[in-house]
Amino acid sequence: MIIVGIVAVCIVLAVLAFFVPRLSRHPERGTQRTLGAGSRAGSKAPGILGRIFSKPFRSSSKAVSRSGSAGRRSRGRMPF
């Protein structure tokens, strides 16, 4: 269920970044802040469990960042 939510957020951010690039930064940063808090909370587990629990949040944050930047980059390449 969480994977579907992250995919949906990435799609929404990519579309938002394509149509209104300046307004897409705030939702992207908010999403990254939320995922960063989850990563920090997961990393407090002892030993290898900390890395295992925080990894999904780190990779989701990277995906959110990539989808937003890809939307803005594709908008910049449009001929109009």
PDB file of N, CA and C in Angstrom:
ATOM      1  N   MET A   1       0.817  -1.191   0.000  1.00  0.00           N
ATOM      2  CA  MET A   1       0.000   0.000   0.000  1.00  0.00           C
ATOM      3  C   MET A   1       0.870   1.268   0.000  1.00  0.00           C
ATOM      4  N   ILE A   2       1.974   1.212   0.730  1.00  0.00           N
ATOM      5  CA  ILE A   2       2.862   2.362   0.782  1.00  0.00           C
ATOM      6  C   ILE A   2       3.517   2.585  -0.574  1.00  0.00           C
ATOM      7  N   ILE A   3       3.845   1.509  -1.256  1.00  0.00           N
ATOM      8  CA  ILE A   3       4.478   1.627  -2.573  1.00  0.00           C
ATOM      9  C   ILE A   3       3.542   2.334  -3.542  1.00  0.00           C
ATOM     10  N   VAL A   4       2.272   1.982  -3.501  1.00  0.00           N
ATOM     11  CA  VAL A   4       1.289   2.624  -4.376  1.00  0.00           C
ATOM     12  C   VAL A   4       1.187   4.115  -4.040  1.00  0.00           C
ATOM     13  N   GLY A   5       1.246   4.444  -2.765  1.00  0.00           N
ATOM     14  CA  GLY A   5       1.192   5.848  -2.355  1.00  0.00           C
ATOM     15  C   GLY A   5       2.389   6.641  -2.851  1.00  0.00           C
ATOM     16  N   ILE A   6       3.578   6.051  -2.757  1.00  0.00           N
ATOM     17  CA  ILE A   6       4.786   6.735  -3.226  1.00  0.00           C
ATOM     18  C   ILE A   6       4.740   6.916  -4.741  1.00  0.00           C
ATOM     19  N   VAL A   7       4.287   5.901  -5.454  1.00  0.00           N
ATOM     20  CA  VAL A   7       4.172   6.005  -6.916  1.00  0.00           C
ATOM     21  C   VAL A   7       3.181   7.107  -7.279  1.00  0.00           C
ATOM     22  N   ALA A   8       2.068   7.167  -6.570  1.00  0.00           N
ATOM     23  CA  ALA A   8       1.072   8.211  -6.839  1.00  0.00           C
ATOM     24  C   ALA A   8       1.640   9.604  -6.573  1.00  0.00           C
ATOM     25  N   VAL A   9       2.389   9.756  -5.486  1.00  0.00           N
ATOM     26  CA  VAL A   9       3.003  11.048  -5.168  1.00  0.00           C
ATOM     27  C   VAL A   9       4.004  11.433  -6.250  1.00  0.00           C
ATOM     28  N   CYS A  10       4.784  10.469  -6.722  1.00  0.00           N
ATOM     29  CA  CYS A  10       5.763  10.752  -7.775  1.00  0.00           C
ATOM     30  C   CYS A  10       5.083  11.198  -9.068  1.00  0.00           C
ATOM     31  N   ILE A  11       4.002  10.551  -9.412  1.00  0.00           N
ATOM     32  CA  ILE A  11       3.279  10.913 -10.636  1.00  0.00           C
ATOM     33  C   ILE A  11       2.679  12.315 -10.505  1.00  0.00           C
ATOM     34  N   VAL A  12       2.072  12.583  -9.368  1.00  0.00           N
ATOM     35  CA  VAL A  12       1.475  13.904  -9.152  1.00  0.00           C
ATOM     36  C   VAL A  12       2.547  14.991  -9.188  1.00  0.00           C
ATOM     37  N   LEU A  13       3.688  14.732  -8.550  1.00  0.00           N
ATOM     38  CA  LEU A  13       4.769  15.729  -8.567  1.00  0.00           C
ATOM     39  C   LEU A  13       5.340  15.932  -9.962  1.00  0.00           C
ATOM     40  N   ALA A  14       5.460  14.868 -10.738  1.00  0.00           N
ATOM     41  CA  ALA A  14       5.990  15.010 -12.097  1.00  0.00           C
ATOM     42  C   ALA A  14       5.046  15.844 -12.956  1.00  0.00           C
ATOM     43  N   VAL A  15       3.749  15.587 -12.841  1.00  0.00           N
ATOM     44  CA  VAL A  15       2.763  16.348 -13.609  1.00  0.00           C
ATOM     45  C   VAL A  15       2.737  17.801 -13.139  1.00  0.00           C
ATOM     46  N   LEU A  16       2.768  17.995 -11.828  1.00  0.00           N
ATOM     47  CA  LEU A  16       2.772  19.344 -11.284  1.00  0.00           C
ATOM     48  C   LEU A  16       4.029  20.094 -11.702  1.00  0.00           C
ATOM     49  N   ALA A  17       5.169  19.421 -11.690  1.00  0.00           N
ATOM     50  CA  ALA A  17       6.421  20.061 -12.088  1.00  0.00           C
ATOM     51  C   ALA A  17       6.421  20.398 -13.573  1.00  0.00           C
ATOM     52  N   PHE A  18       5.732  19.613 -14.374  1.00  0.00           N
ATOM     53  CA  PHE A  18       5.674  19.903 -15.800  1.00  0.00           C
ATOM     54  C   PHE A  18       4.805  21.117 -16.096  1.00  0.00           C
ATOM     55  N   PHE A  19       3.652  21.201 -15.444  1.00  0.00           N
ATOM     56  CA  PHE A  19       2.719  22.281 -15.759  1.00  0.00           C
ATOM     57  C   PHE A  19       2.995  23.571 -14.993  1.00  0.00           C
ATOM     58  N   VAL A  20       3.382  23.486 -13.736  1.00  0.00           N
ATOM     59  CA  VAL A  20       3.702  24.676 -12.944  1.00  0.00           C
ATOM     60  C   VAL A  20       4.996  24.415 -12.169  1.00  0.00           C
ATOM     61  N   PRO A  21       6.137  24.591 -12.819  1.00  0.00           N
ATOM     62  CA  PRO A  21       7.418  24.227 -12.201  1.00  0.00           C
ATOM     63  C   PRO A  21       7.729  24.967 -10.895  1.00  0.00           C
ATOM     64  N   ARG A  22       7.369  26.225 -10.813  1.00  0.00           N
ATOM     65  CA  ARG A  22       7.682  26.975  -9.598  1.00  0.00           C
ATOM     66  C   ARG A  22       6.845  26.516  -8.413  1.00  0.00           C
ATOM     67  N   LEU A  23       5.605  26.154  -8.671  1.00  0.00           N
ATOM     68  CA  LEU A  23       4.725  25.735  -7.574  1.00  0.00           C
ATOM     69  C   LEU A  23       4.955  24.287  -7.155  1.00  0.00           C
ATOM     70  N   SER A  24       5.763  23.554  -7.888  1.00  0.00           N
ATOM     71  CA  SER A  24       5.987  22.150  -7.543  1.00  0.00           C
ATOM     72  C   SER A  24       7.064  21.978  -6.483  1.00  0.00           C
ATOM     73  N   ARG A  25       7.841  22.999  -6.228  1.00  0.00           N
ATOM     74  CA  ARG A  25       8.950  22.871  -5.268  1.00  0.00           C
ATOM     75  C   ARG A  25       8.442  22.680  -3.834  1.00  0.00           C
ATOM     76  N   HIS A  26       7.414  23.397  -3.454  1.00  0.00           N
ATOM     77  CA  HIS A  26       6.921  23.307  -2.079  1.00  0.00           C
ATOM     78  C   HIS A  26       6.375  21.913  -1.748  1.00  0.00           C
ATOM     79  N   PRO A  27       5.508  21.328  -2.589  1.00  0.00           N
ATOM     80  CA  PRO A  27       5.054  19.965  -2.281  1.00  0.00           C
ATOM     81  C   PRO A  27       6.196  18.940  -2.307  1.00  0.00           C
ATOM     82  N   GLU A  28       7.153  19.147  -3.192  1.00  0.00           N
ATOM     83  CA  GLU A  28       8.286  18.221  -3.251  1.00  0.00           C
ATOM     84  C   GLU A  28       9.100  18.277  -1.965  1.00  0.00           C
ATOM     85  N   ARG A  29       9.374  19.479  -1.493  1.00  0.00           N
ATOM     86  CA  ARG A  29      10.133  19.616  -0.245  1.00  0.00           C
ATOM     87  C   ARG A  29       9.358  19.083   0.951  1.00  0.00           C
ATOM     88  N   GLY A  30       8.054  19.288   0.965  1.00  0.00           N
ATOM     89  CA  GLY A  30       7.243  18.761   2.057  1.00  0.00           C
ATOM     90  C   GLY A  30       7.251  17.245   2.086  1.00  0.00           C
ATOM     91  N   THR A  31       7.174  16.645   0.913  1.00  0.00           N
ATOM     92  CA  THR A  31       7.220  15.190   0.834  1.00  0.00           C
ATOM     93  C   THR A  31       8.582  14.674   1.263  1.00  0.00           C
ATOM     94  N   GLN A  32       9.642  15.341   0.826  1.00  0.00           N
ATOM     95  CA  GLN A  32      10.985  14.918   1.220  1.00  0.00           C
ATOM     96  C   GLN A  32      11.204  15.097   2.720  1.00  0.00           C
ATOM     97  N   ARG A  33      10.624  16.132   3.298  1.00  0.00           N
ATOM     98  CA  ARG A  33      10.751  16.351   4.740  1.00  0.00           C
ATOM     99  C   ARG A  33      10.057  15.222   5.507  1.00  0.00           C
ATOM    100  N   THR A  34       8.888  14.819   5.046  1.00  0.00           N
ATOM    101  CA  THR A  34       8.155  13.735   5.689  1.00  0.00           C
ATOM    102  C   THR A  34       8.914  12.422   5.577  1.00  0.00           C
ATOM    103  N   LEU A  35       9.420  12.144   4.384  1.00  0.00           N
ATOM    104  CA  LEU A  35      10.175  10.911   4.199  1.00  0.00           C
ATOM    105  C   LEU A  35      11.491  10.947   4.976  1.00  0.00           C
ATOM    106  N   GLY A  36      12.087  12.107   5.109  1.00  0.00           N
ATOM    107  CA  GLY A  36      13.308  12.233   5.904  1.00  0.00           C
ATOM    108  C   GLY A  36      13.056  11.950   7.373  1.00  0.00           C
ATOM    109  N   ALA A  37      11.905  12.390   7.871  1.00  0.00           N
ATOM    110  CA  ALA A  37      11.561  12.104   9.268  1.00  0.00           C
ATOM    111  C   ALA A  37      11.379  10.603   9.474  1.00  0.00           C
ATOM    112  N   GLY A  38      10.763   9.937   8.509  1.00  0.00           N
ATOM    113  CA  GLY A  38      10.617   8.484   8.597  1.00  0.00           C
ATOM    114  C   GLY A  38      11.955   7.779   8.550  1.00  0.00           C
ATOM    115  N   SER A  39      12.852   8.278   7.724  1.00  0.00           N
ATOM    116  CA  SER A  39      14.186   7.691   7.621  1.00  0.00           C
ATOM    117  C   SER A  39      14.956   7.863   8.925  1.00  0.00           C
ATOM    118  N   ARG A  40      14.852   9.054   9.512  1.00  0.00           N
ATOM    119  CA  ARG A  40      15.542   9.284  10.772  1.00  0.00           C
ATOM    120  C   ARG A  40      14.974   8.425  11.888  1.00  0.00           C
ATOM    121  N   ALA A  41      13.665   8.262  11.900  1.00  0.00           N
ATOM    122  CA  ALA A  41      13.050   7.427  12.932  1.00  0.00           C
ATOM    123  C   ALA A  41      13.445   5.958  12.744  1.00  0.00           C
ATOM    124  N   GLY A  42      13.497   5.514  11.505  1.00  0.00           N
ATOM    125  CA  GLY A  42      13.874   4.126  11.242  1.00  0.00           C
ATOM    126  C   GLY A  42      15.327   3.848  11.547  1.00  0.00           C
ATOM    127  N   SER A  43      16.171   4.851  11.386  1.00  0.00           N
ATOM    128  CA  SER A  43      17.601   4.634  11.601  1.00  0.00           C
ATOM    129  C   SER A  43      17.963   4.550  13.076  1.00  0.00           C
ATOM    130  N   LYS A  44      17.034   4.872  13.955  1.00  0.00           N
ATOM    131  CA  LYS A  44      17.314   4.788  15.386  1.00  0.00           C
ATOM    132  C   LYS A  44      17.258   3.361  15.910  1.00  0.00           C
ATOM    133  N   ALA A  45      16.813   2.435  15.083  1.00  0.00           N
ATOM    134  CA  ALA A  45      16.822   1.032  15.498  1.00  0.00           C
ATOM    135  C   ALA A  45      18.276   0.564  15.607  1.00  0.00           C
ATOM    136  N   PRO A  46      18.540  -0.366  16.489  1.00  0.00           N
ATOM    137  CA  PRO A  46      19.931  -0.765  16.710  1.00  0.00           C
ATOM    138  C   PRO A  46      20.516  -1.602  15.573  1.00  0.00           C
ATOM    139  N   GLY A  47      21.784  -1.361  15.288  1.00  0.00           N
ATOM    140  CA  GLY A  47      22.548  -2.189  14.363  1.00  0.00           C
ATOM    141  C   GLY A  47      22.057  -2.137  12.930  1.00  0.00           C
ATOM    142  N   ILE A  48      22.056  -3.303  12.305  1.00  0.00           N
ATOM    143  CA  ILE A  48      21.689  -3.415  10.894  1.00  0.00           C
ATOM    144  C   ILE A  48      20.203  -3.129  10.676  1.00  0.00           C
ATOM    145  N   LEU A  49      19.398  -3.294  11.711  1.00  0.00           N
ATOM    146  CA  LEU A  49      17.967  -2.995  11.578  1.00  0.00           C
ATOM    147  C   LEU A  49      17.731  -1.526  11.262  1.00  0.00           C
ATOM    148  N   GLY A  50      18.575  -0.653  11.774  1.00  0.00           N
ATOM    149  CA  GLY A  50      18.439   0.772  11.485  1.00  0.00           C
ATOM    150  C   GLY A  50      18.587   1.064  10.009  1.00  0.00           C
ATOM    151  N   ARG A  51      19.565   0.422   9.370  1.00  0.00           N
ATOM    152  CA  ARG A  51      19.739   0.623   7.927  1.00  0.00           C
ATOM    153  C   ARG A  51      18.593   0.009   7.143  1.00  0.00           C
ATOM    154  N   ILE A  52      18.126  -1.141   7.590  1.00  0.00           N
ATOM    155  CA  ILE A  52      17.029  -1.814   6.881  1.00  0.00           C
ATOM    156  C   ILE A  52      15.740  -1.000   6.983  1.00  0.00           C
ATOM    157  N   PHE A  53      15.459  -0.449   8.159  1.00  0.00           N
ATOM    158  CA  PHE A  53      14.221   0.309   8.350  1.00  0.00           C
ATOM    159  C   PHE A  53      14.254   1.671   7.677  1.00  0.00           C
ATOM    160  N   SER A  54      15.432   2.267   7.535  1.00  0.00           N
ATOM    161  CA  SER A  54      15.485   3.604   6.949  1.00  0.00           C
ATOM    162  C   SER A  54      15.645   3.579   5.431  1.00  0.00           C
ATOM    163  N   LYS A  55      16.057   2.460   4.863  1.00  0.00           N
ATOM    164  CA  LYS A  55      16.312   2.404   3.424  1.00  0.00           C
ATOM    165  C   LYS A  55      15.075   2.698   2.562  1.00  0.00           C
ATOM    166  N   PRO A  56      13.893   2.150   2.858  1.00  0.00           N
ATOM    167  CA  PRO A  56      12.730   2.476   2.013  1.00  0.00           C
ATOM    168  C   PRO A  56      12.413   3.970   1.976  1.00  0.00           C
ATOM    169  N   PHE A  57      12.624   4.645   3.087  1.00  0.00           N
ATOM    170  CA  PHE A  57      12.353   6.077   3.118  1.00  0.00           C
ATOM    171  C   PHE A  57      13.381   6.855   2.298  1.00  0.00           C
ATOM    172  N   ARG A  58      14.648   6.434   2.369  1.00  0.00           N
ATOM    173  CA  ARG A  58      15.687   7.102   1.578  1.00  0.00           C
ATOM    174  C   ARG A  58      15.451   6.913   0.090  1.00  0.00           C
ATOM    175  N   SER A  59      15.124   5.691  -0.324  1.00  0.00           N
ATOM    176  CA  SER A  59      14.912   5.454  -1.758  1.00  0.00           C
ATOM    177  C   SER A  59      13.640   6.143  -2.239  1.00  0.00           C
ATOM    178  N   SER A  60      12.630   6.237  -1.400  1.00  0.00           N
ATOM    179  CA  SER A  60      11.410   6.958  -1.780  1.00  0.00           C
ATOM    180  C   SER A  60      11.688   8.444  -1.922  1.00  0.00           C
ATOM    181  N   SER A  61      12.528   8.979  -1.055  1.00  0.00           N
ATOM    182  CA  SER A  61      12.889  10.394  -1.153  1.00  0.00           C
ATOM    183  C   SER A  61      13.648  10.669  -2.450  1.00  0.00           C
ATOM    184  N   LYS A  62      14.532   9.760  -2.827  1.00  0.00           N
ATOM    185  CA  LYS A  62      15.249   9.909  -4.099  1.00  0.00           C
ATOM    186  C   LYS A  62      14.290   9.866  -5.277  1.00  0.00           C
ATOM    187  N   ALA A  63      13.300   8.973  -5.215  1.00  0.00           N
ATOM    188  CA  ALA A  63      12.330   8.864  -6.306  1.00  0.00           C
ATOM    189  C   ALA A  63      11.495  10.131  -6.433  1.00  0.00           C
ATOM    190  N   VAL A  64      11.094  10.701  -5.314  1.00  0.00           N
ATOM    191  CA  VAL A  64      10.317  11.940  -5.334  1.00  0.00           C
ATOM    192  C   VAL A  64      11.150  13.065  -5.943  1.00  0.00           C
ATOM    193  N   SER A  65      12.410  13.133  -5.550  1.00  0.00           N
ATOM    194  CA  SER A  65      13.292  14.168  -6.084  1.00  0.00           C
ATOM    195  C   SER A  65      13.490  14.009  -7.588  1.00  0.00           C
ATOM    196  N   ARG A  66      13.692  12.771  -8.021  1.00  0.00           N
ATOM    197  CA  ARG A  66      13.903  12.514  -9.451  1.00  0.00           C
ATOM    198  C   ARG A  66      12.668  12.822 -10.274  1.00  0.00           C
ATOM    199  N   SER A  67      11.491  12.492  -9.770  1.00  0.00           N
ATOM    200  CA  SER A  67      10.285  12.739 -10.561  1.00  0.00           C
ATOM    201  C   SER A  67      10.012  14.235 -10.694  1.00  0.00           C
ATOM    202  N   GLY A  68      10.245  14.991  -9.625  1.00  0.00           N
ATOM    203  CA  GLY A  68      10.058  16.438  -9.711  1.00  0.00           C
ATOM    204  C   GLY A  68      11.045  17.083 -10.655  1.00  0.00           C
ATOM    205  N   SER A  69      12.300  16.682 -10.564  1.00  0.00           N
ATOM    206  CA  SER A  69      13.301  17.293 -11.442  1.00  0.00           C
ATOM    207  C   SER A  69      13.103  16.863 -12.887  1.00  0.00           C
ATOM    208  N   ALA A  70      12.627  15.634 -13.103  1.00  0.00           N
ATOM    209  CA  ALA A  70      12.368  15.184 -14.474  1.00  0.00           C
ATOM    210  C   ALA A  70      11.229  15.981 -15.107  1.00  0.00           C
ATOM    211  N   GLY A  71      10.202  16.300 -14.314  1.00  0.00           N
ATOM    212  CA  GLY A  71       9.104  17.110 -14.838  1.00  0.00           C
ATOM    213  C   GLY A  71       9.558  18.505 -15.210  1.00  0.00           C
ATOM    214  N   ARG A  72      10.373  19.115 -14.352  1.00  0.00           N
ATOM    215  CA  ARG A  72      10.875  20.453 -14.659  1.00  0.00           C
ATOM    216  C   ARG A  72      11.840  20.421 -15.836  1.00  0.00           C
ATOM    217  N   ARG A  73      12.670  19.389 -15.913  1.00  0.00           N
ATOM    218  CA  ARG A  73      13.624  19.282 -17.020  1.00  0.00           C
ATOM    219  C   ARG A  73      12.903  19.081 -18.348  1.00  0.00           C
ATOM    220  N   SER A  74      11.867  18.255 -18.372  1.00  0.00           N
ATOM    221  CA  SER A  74      11.134  18.038 -19.624  1.00  0.00           C
ATOM    222  C   SER A  74      10.363  19.291 -20.023  1.00  0.00           C
ATOM    223  N   ARG A  75       9.913  20.052 -19.050  1.00  0.00           N
ATOM    224  CA  ARG A  75       9.243  21.313 -19.353  1.00  0.00           C
ATOM    225  C   ARG A  75      10.220  22.292 -20.013  1.00  0.00           C
ATOM    226  N   GLY A  76      11.452  22.302 -19.527  1.00  0.00           N
ATOM    227  CA  GLY A  76      12.469  23.186 -20.080  1.00  0.00           C
ATOM    228  C   GLY A  76      12.874  22.813 -21.492  1.00  0.00           C
ATOM    229  N   ARG A  77      12.697  21.573 -21.876  1.00  0.00           N
ATOM    230  CA  ARG A  77      13.081  21.119 -23.211  1.00  0.00           C
ATOM    231  C   ARG A  77      11.974  21.308 -24.245  1.00  0.00           C
ATOM    232  N   MET A  78      10.805  21.702 -23.798  1.00  0.00           N
ATOM    233  CA  MET A  78       9.704  21.891 -24.757  1.00  0.00           C
ATOM    234  C   MET A  78       9.995  23.086 -25.652  1.00  0.00           C
ATOM    235  N   PRO A  79       9.600  23.007 -26.912  1.00  0.00           N
ATOM    236  CA  PRO A  79       9.931  24.082 -27.843  1.00  0.00           C
ATOM    237  C   PRO A  79       9.112  25.349 -27.666  1.00  0.00           C
ATOM    238  N   PHE A  80       8.039  25.297 -26.904  1.00  0.00           N
ATOM    239  CA  PHE A  80       7.210  26.511 -26.750  1.00  0.00           C
ATOM    240  C   PHE A  80       7.387  27.137 -25.391  1.00  0.00           C
TER     241      PHE A  80
END
